[in-house]
Amino acid sequence: MFSIILVLLAAVTLVNGATIGVSDATTKMYASTMPDCSDKLDSCFDFSDGSCVGRYAPWARENCAYRCGYCPGNYPPCQDQITYCKELGSEVCNQKLYAGYVRLNCRETCNKCEIPALTYVPGNDTDVLPTGLFKKKKHFRN
C-alpha cells in the first residue's frame, strides 16, 4: 500500500502549477471523481494536521479536502497570504493559540507548508489515554 502511495505522489509532481507525469486520462479521472474538491467549512485551517488523517480521514475528505490535501494537484500554496507575517514574530508561529491563523495566513514564514494527506505515514498514529491525569473515584461503604 505504501509503495502505491509513493508512486501516486511521484506521478503528481507540480512545477509552476503544471502537472507533470500524469496522463490526460488520469487527470480526467480525478476531475470526474472529485468535481467539487474544496473545503466545505470556513474553519478547516483551524483544525490540526492530525485531524486530516488516520481515523479522521473520511471526515476530512468530506469537509476539509483542500486544506488536508485530498484534492489531487490542488494544494494550499506554500506562501503567505498576508504581507506582515514576518513582523508578527516567530513566537506567533509556535503558539497553539494562533495555529489556525498561521496555517491559513503565514504558511511560508512559519514553515507550515506540510500537506497532511501527503506526509502521513499509516501506523504512526497512536491514541494516548490520559490514565494518570485523573483521580480515580474512591468507593466508600456506608
Protein backbone atom coordinates (compact mmCIF):
# COMPACT_ATOMS: atom_id res chain seq x y z
CA MET A 1 0.00 0.00 0.00
CA PHE A 2 2.80 2.40 0.95
CA SER A 3 4.58 1.85 -2.39
CA ILE A 4 1.35 2.64 -4.27
CA ILE A 5 1.10 5.93 -2.39
CA LEU A 6 4.71 6.77 -3.28
CA VAL A 7 4.07 6.02 -6.95
CA LEU A 8 1.00 8.25 -6.94
CA LEU A 9 2.90 11.04 -5.21
CA ALA A 10 5.70 10.78 -7.75
CA ALA A 11 3.20 10.90 -10.61
CA VAL A 12 1.55 14.08 -9.39
CA THR A 13 4.55 16.40 -9.29
CA LEU A 14 3.81 20.09 -9.59
CA VAL A 15 6.14 22.55 -11.25
CA ASN A 16 4.91 26.14 -11.53
CA GLY A 17 1.33 24.96 -11.32
CA ALA A 18 1.62 22.46 -14.18
CA THR A 19 1.15 18.75 -13.59
CA ILE A 20 3.93 16.58 -14.98
CA GLY A 21 3.81 12.84 -15.50
CA VAL A 22 0.04 12.44 -15.30
CA SER A 23 -1.78 11.46 -18.47
CA ASP A 24 -4.89 13.25 -19.69
CA ALA A 25 -6.93 10.16 -18.85
CA THR A 26 -5.74 10.26 -15.24
CA THR A 27 -6.40 13.98 -15.00
CA LYS A 28 -9.92 13.45 -16.35
CA MET A 29 -10.43 10.65 -13.82
CA TYR A 30 -9.52 12.99 -10.95
CA ALA A 31 -11.79 15.68 -12.35
CA SER A 32 -14.72 13.31 -12.70
CA THR A 33 -14.33 11.64 -9.29
CA MET A 34 -13.75 14.90 -7.40
CA PRO A 35 -15.85 17.53 -9.19
CA ASP A 36 -16.09 19.90 -6.21
CA CYS A 37 -12.88 19.36 -4.31
CA SER A 38 -12.78 22.18 -1.80
CA ASP A 39 -13.24 22.93 1.87
CA LYS A 40 -16.88 22.89 2.93
CA LEU A 41 -16.08 24.55 6.26
CA ASP A 42 -14.62 28.02 6.76
CA SER A 43 -12.69 26.75 9.78
CA CYS A 44 -10.65 23.97 8.14
CA PHE A 45 -7.30 25.65 8.79
CA ASP A 46 -8.19 25.81 12.50
CA PHE A 47 -8.02 22.01 12.72
CA SER A 48 -4.65 20.39 13.40
CA ASP A 49 -2.88 18.24 10.80
CA GLY A 50 -3.85 15.19 12.85
CA SER A 51 -7.50 15.98 12.15
CA CYS A 52 -6.85 15.29 8.46
CA VAL A 53 -5.51 11.75 8.58
CA GLY A 54 -5.87 8.36 10.21
CA ARG A 55 -9.29 7.69 11.64
CA TYR A 56 -10.33 11.29 10.83
CA ALA A 57 -9.53 10.98 7.10
CA PRO A 58 -13.12 10.21 5.98
CA TRP A 59 -14.37 13.32 7.80
CA ALA A 60 -11.51 15.40 6.40
CA ARG A 61 -12.13 14.25 2.80
CA GLU A 62 -15.76 15.28 3.16
CA ASN A 63 -15.32 18.60 4.97
CA CYS A 64 -11.74 19.89 4.53
CA ALA A 65 -10.48 18.22 1.35
CA TYR A 66 -8.45 21.21 0.11
CA ARG A 67 -6.76 22.11 3.41
CA CYS A 68 -5.93 18.49 4.20
CA GLY A 69 -4.53 17.65 0.75
CA TYR A 70 -7.24 15.41 -0.69
CA CYS A 71 -7.63 17.44 -3.91
CA PRO A 72 -5.06 15.88 -6.29
CA GLY A 73 -2.90 18.57 -7.86
CA ASN A 74 -4.68 21.35 -5.95
CA TYR A 75 -2.98 22.05 -2.63
CA PRO A 76 -2.71 25.13 -0.41
CA PRO A 77 0.28 27.14 -1.71
CA CYS A 78 3.37 27.48 0.44
CA GLN A 79 3.18 31.24 0.54
CA ASP A 80 2.00 33.87 2.99
CA GLN A 81 -1.50 35.21 2.42
CA ILE A 82 -0.76 38.46 4.27
CA THR A 83 2.24 40.77 3.88
CA TYR A 84 3.14 41.25 7.56
CA CYS A 85 3.82 37.68 8.73
CA LYS A 86 7.50 38.40 9.43
CA GLU A 87 6.54 41.40 11.57
CA LEU A 88 4.38 39.20 13.81
CA GLY A 89 7.49 37.46 15.10
CA SER A 90 8.49 33.83 15.31
CA GLU A 91 6.73 33.32 18.66
CA VAL A 92 3.38 33.58 16.85
CA CYS A 93 4.37 30.66 14.61
CA ASN A 94 4.66 28.26 17.52
CA GLN A 95 1.83 29.34 19.80
CA LYS A 96 -1.08 26.92 19.86
CA LEU A 97 -3.49 29.84 20.20
CA TYR A 98 -2.52 31.10 16.72
CA ALA A 99 -2.03 27.73 14.98
CA GLY A 100 -5.07 28.02 12.69
CA TYR A 101 -4.29 31.64 11.81
CA VAL A 102 -0.69 30.70 10.97
CA ARG A 103 -1.70 27.67 8.85
CA LEU A 104 -4.03 29.89 6.85
CA ASN A 105 -2.09 33.15 6.58
CA CYS A 106 1.64 32.64 7.26
CA ARG A 107 2.45 29.23 5.80
CA GLU A 108 5.80 30.19 4.29
CA THR A 109 7.15 32.42 7.08
CA CYS A 110 6.19 29.94 9.80
CA ASN A 111 7.24 26.85 7.80
CA LYS A 112 3.73 25.33 7.94
CA CYS A 113 3.59 24.06 4.35
CA GLU A 114 3.01 20.38 5.07
CA ILE A 115 0.12 18.73 3.28
CA PRO A 116 -1.21 16.23 5.85
CA ALA A 117 -2.59 13.68 3.36
CA LEU A 118 0.74 13.60 1.50
CA THR A 119 3.04 13.36 4.52
CA TYR A 120 1.03 10.95 6.69
CA VAL A 121 2.59 7.56 7.34
CA PRO A 122 -0.04 4.96 8.35
CA GLY A 123 0.66 3.22 11.61
CA ASN A 124 2.41 6.15 13.27
CA ASP A 125 -0.73 7.50 14.89
CA THR A 126 -1.43 6.42 18.41
CA ASP A 127 -4.21 7.06 20.85
CA VAL A 128 -2.89 8.47 24.10
CA LEU A 129 -5.14 7.82 27.02
CA PRO A 130 -4.88 10.25 29.92
CA THR A 131 -4.88 7.49 32.55
CA GLY A 132 -2.68 9.23 35.09
CA LEU A 133 -4.25 12.65 34.78
CA PHE A 134 -7.50 11.98 36.58
CA LYS A 135 -8.02 10.89 40.14
CA LYS A 136 -9.85 7.63 40.40
CA LYS A 137 -13.13 7.64 42.24
CA LYS A 138 -12.85 6.13 45.66
CA HIS A 139 -15.62 3.78 46.58
CA PHE A 140 -16.80 4.18 50.12
CA ARG A 141 -19.05 1.89 52.02
CA ASN A 142 -21.82 3.44 54.03
